[in-house]
Amino acid sequence: MKKHLKEIDMSYFEHMKCALAYAKESAKMMVYFFVHAFLPDVWVSKGSTRLKILNNKIKNRNIENENNT
């Protein structure tokens, strides 16, 4: 467990906060995609747009960690 935290240079609670924020965003996206599946004219691009934003946040976090090592 501590190996991962050292690799990303975060404390346990910083990591928890970040991971839970990703989980919250993922849950919202699940709702967007679920509703869109049944009502195609609702949230046409909201889920995919939010997914791209979250993916970029994660990628940027990983790049930041690589640059700090």
N, C-alpha and C. Protein backbone atom coordinates (compact mmCIF):
# COMPACT_ATOMS: atom_id res chain seq x y z
N MET A 1 0.83 -1.19 0.00
CA MET A 1 0.00 0.00 0.00
C MET A 1 0.88 1.26 0.00
N LYS A 2 1.89 1.28 0.81
CA LYS A 2 2.72 2.47 0.92
C LYS A 2 3.55 2.70 -0.34
N LYS A 3 3.83 1.63 -1.06
CA LYS A 3 4.62 1.76 -2.29
C LYS A 3 3.91 2.68 -3.28
N HIS A 4 2.63 2.47 -3.49
CA HIS A 4 1.87 3.30 -4.43
C HIS A 4 1.85 4.75 -3.96
N LEU A 5 1.64 4.98 -2.69
CA LEU A 5 1.60 6.34 -2.17
C LEU A 5 2.94 7.04 -2.35
N LYS A 6 4.03 6.32 -2.16
CA LYS A 6 5.36 6.90 -2.39
C LYS A 6 5.56 7.22 -3.87
N GLU A 7 5.11 6.32 -4.74
CA GLU A 7 5.26 6.53 -6.19
C GLU A 7 4.55 7.79 -6.65
N ILE A 8 3.41 8.08 -6.05
CA ILE A 8 2.64 9.25 -6.48
C ILE A 8 2.83 10.45 -5.55
N ASP A 9 3.67 10.29 -4.54
CA ASP A 9 4.00 11.36 -3.60
C ASP A 9 2.76 11.98 -2.98
N MET A 10 1.92 11.13 -2.40
CA MET A 10 0.71 11.60 -1.73
C MET A 10 0.59 10.91 -0.38
N SER A 11 -0.06 11.60 0.54
CA SER A 11 -0.38 10.96 1.81
C SER A 11 -1.60 10.07 1.61
N TYR A 12 -1.87 9.25 2.60
CA TYR A 12 -3.03 8.36 2.54
C TYR A 12 -4.31 9.16 2.32
N PHE A 13 -4.49 10.24 3.09
CA PHE A 13 -5.73 11.01 3.00
C PHE A 13 -5.81 11.87 1.73
N GLU A 14 -4.68 12.35 1.23
CA GLU A 14 -4.67 13.05 -0.06
C GLU A 14 -5.10 12.09 -1.16
N HIS A 15 -4.57 10.88 -1.11
CA HIS A 15 -4.93 9.87 -2.09
C HIS A 15 -6.40 9.51 -2.00
N MET A 16 -6.89 9.35 -0.77
CA MET A 16 -8.30 9.01 -0.57
C MET A 16 -9.20 10.10 -1.15
N LYS A 17 -8.86 11.35 -0.86
CA LYS A 17 -9.66 12.48 -1.36
C LYS A 17 -9.69 12.48 -2.89
N CYS A 18 -8.55 12.28 -3.50
CA CYS A 18 -8.44 12.27 -4.96
C CYS A 18 -9.22 11.10 -5.55
N ALA A 19 -9.04 9.92 -5.01
CA ALA A 19 -9.71 8.73 -5.53
C ALA A 19 -11.23 8.84 -5.38
N LEU A 20 -11.68 9.38 -4.26
CA LEU A 20 -13.12 9.54 -4.06
C LEU A 20 -13.71 10.60 -5.00
N ALA A 21 -12.92 11.63 -5.31
CA ALA A 21 -13.37 12.63 -6.28
C ALA A 21 -13.52 11.99 -7.66
N TYR A 22 -12.58 11.12 -8.03
CA TYR A 22 -12.69 10.41 -9.31
C TYR A 22 -13.92 9.50 -9.30
N ALA A 23 -14.17 8.85 -8.19
CA ALA A 23 -15.33 7.96 -8.07
C ALA A 23 -16.63 8.75 -8.20
N LYS A 24 -16.68 9.92 -7.58
CA LYS A 24 -17.88 10.76 -7.65
C LYS A 24 -18.14 11.19 -9.09
N GLU A 25 -17.10 11.63 -9.79
CA GLU A 25 -17.25 12.03 -11.18
C GLU A 25 -17.67 10.84 -12.04
N SER A 26 -17.10 9.68 -11.78
CA SER A 26 -17.44 8.48 -12.54
C SER A 26 -18.90 8.09 -12.33
N ALA A 27 -19.39 8.24 -11.12
CA ALA A 27 -20.79 7.93 -10.83
C ALA A 27 -21.72 8.87 -11.59
N LYS A 28 -21.35 10.15 -11.63
CA LYS A 28 -22.17 11.10 -12.39
C LYS A 28 -22.21 10.72 -13.87
N MET A 29 -21.04 10.36 -14.40
CA MET A 29 -20.99 9.98 -15.81
C MET A 29 -21.82 8.74 -16.08
N MET A 30 -21.84 7.81 -15.14
CA MET A 30 -22.64 6.60 -15.30
C MET A 30 -24.11 6.98 -15.47
N VAL A 31 -24.57 7.95 -14.69
CA VAL A 31 -25.95 8.40 -14.79
C VAL A 31 -26.20 9.04 -16.16
N TYR A 32 -25.27 9.90 -16.60
CA TYR A 32 -25.43 10.53 -17.92
C TYR A 32 -25.55 9.47 -19.01
N PHE A 33 -24.66 8.48 -19.00
CA PHE A 33 -24.68 7.44 -20.03
C PHE A 33 -25.93 6.57 -19.91
N PHE A 34 -26.34 6.26 -18.70
CA PHE A 34 -27.52 5.42 -18.49
C PHE A 34 -28.77 6.11 -19.04
N VAL A 35 -28.95 7.36 -18.67
CA VAL A 35 -30.12 8.11 -19.15
C VAL A 35 -30.07 8.24 -20.67
N HIS A 36 -28.90 8.56 -21.20
CA HIS A 36 -28.73 8.72 -22.64
C HIS A 36 -29.06 7.42 -23.39
N ALA A 37 -28.77 6.28 -22.79
CA ALA A 37 -29.06 4.99 -23.44
C ALA A 37 -30.55 4.84 -23.74
N PHE A 38 -31.40 5.33 -22.82
CA PHE A 38 -32.84 5.20 -22.98
C PHE A 38 -33.48 6.43 -23.64
N LEU A 39 -32.86 7.58 -23.48
CA LEU A 39 -33.37 8.83 -24.05
C LEU A 39 -32.25 9.48 -24.87
N PRO A 40 -32.08 9.04 -26.11
CA PRO A 40 -30.93 9.46 -26.91
C PRO A 40 -30.78 10.97 -27.11
N ASP A 41 -31.86 11.72 -26.98
CA ASP A 41 -31.76 13.17 -27.16
C ASP A 41 -31.38 13.91 -25.88
N VAL A 42 -31.22 13.17 -24.79
CA VAL A 42 -30.84 13.76 -23.51
C VAL A 42 -29.36 13.51 -23.27
N TRP A 43 -28.64 14.54 -22.87
CA TRP A 43 -27.21 14.45 -22.56
C TRP A 43 -26.43 13.76 -23.68
N VAL A 44 -26.60 14.28 -24.88
CA VAL A 44 -26.00 13.70 -26.08
C VAL A 44 -24.48 13.58 -25.96
N SER A 45 -23.84 14.59 -25.44
CA SER A 45 -22.37 14.54 -25.34
C SER A 45 -21.84 14.80 -23.93
N LYS A 46 -22.74 14.99 -22.97
CA LYS A 46 -22.30 15.35 -21.62
C LYS A 46 -21.42 14.27 -20.99
N GLY A 47 -21.80 13.02 -21.11
CA GLY A 47 -21.02 11.94 -20.52
C GLY A 47 -19.63 11.83 -21.13
N SER A 48 -19.56 11.87 -22.45
CA SER A 48 -18.26 11.73 -23.09
C SER A 48 -17.38 12.95 -22.85
N THR A 49 -17.98 14.13 -22.78
CA THR A 49 -17.20 15.34 -22.48
C THR A 49 -16.62 15.26 -21.08
N ARG A 50 -17.43 14.87 -20.11
CA ARG A 50 -16.96 14.75 -18.73
C ARG A 50 -15.90 13.65 -18.61
N LEU A 51 -16.06 12.58 -19.38
CA LEU A 51 -15.07 11.50 -19.36
C LEU A 51 -13.73 11.99 -19.88
N LYS A 52 -13.74 12.78 -20.94
CA LYS A 52 -12.50 13.34 -21.48
C LYS A 52 -11.83 14.26 -20.46
N ILE A 53 -12.62 15.08 -19.78
CA ILE A 53 -12.08 15.99 -18.76
C ILE A 53 -11.43 15.20 -17.63
N LEU A 54 -12.12 14.18 -17.14
CA LEU A 54 -11.57 13.37 -16.05
C LEU A 54 -10.31 12.64 -16.50
N ASN A 55 -10.33 12.10 -17.71
CA ASN A 55 -9.16 11.42 -18.24
C ASN A 55 -7.97 12.37 -18.33
N ASN A 56 -8.20 13.59 -18.76
CA ASN A 56 -7.12 14.58 -18.84
C ASN A 56 -6.57 14.93 -17.45
N LYS A 57 -7.45 15.03 -16.46
CA LYS A 57 -7.00 15.29 -15.09
C LYS A 57 -6.09 14.17 -14.60
N ILE A 58 -6.50 12.93 -14.87
CA ILE A 58 -5.70 11.80 -14.43
C ILE A 58 -4.36 11.76 -15.17
N LYS A 59 -4.40 11.98 -16.48
CA LYS A 59 -3.16 12.00 -17.26
C LYS A 59 -2.22 13.10 -16.77
N ASN A 60 -2.76 14.29 -16.54
CA ASN A 60 -1.93 15.40 -16.07
C ASN A 60 -1.35 15.12 -14.70
N ARG A 61 -2.11 14.47 -13.85
CA ARG A 61 -1.61 14.09 -12.52
C ARG A 61 -0.44 13.12 -12.67
N ASN A 62 -0.59 12.16 -13.59
CA ASN A 62 0.48 11.17 -13.81
C ASN A 62 1.72 11.84 -14.39
N ILE A 63 1.54 12.76 -15.32
CA ILE A 63 2.69 13.47 -15.90
C ILE A 63 3.38 14.31 -14.84
N GLU A 64 2.60 14.97 -14.00
CA GLU A 64 3.15 15.79 -12.90
C GLU A 64 3.99 14.91 -11.98
N ASN A 65 3.49 13.71 -11.66
CA ASN A 65 4.23 12.80 -10.77
C ASN A 65 5.52 12.33 -11.43
N GLU A 66 5.48 12.04 -12.73
CA GLU A 66 6.69 11.61 -13.43
C GLU A 66 7.74 12.71 -13.46
N ASN A 67 7.31 13.96 -13.61
CA ASN A 67 8.25 15.08 -13.64
C ASN A 67 8.86 15.38 -12.29
N ASN A 68 8.19 14.99 -11.22
CA ASN A 68 8.70 15.26 -9.87
C ASN A 68 9.64 14.18 -9.37
N THR A 69 9.80 13.10 -10.14
CA THR A 69 10.69 12.03 -9.68
C THR A 69 12.03 12.10 -10.37
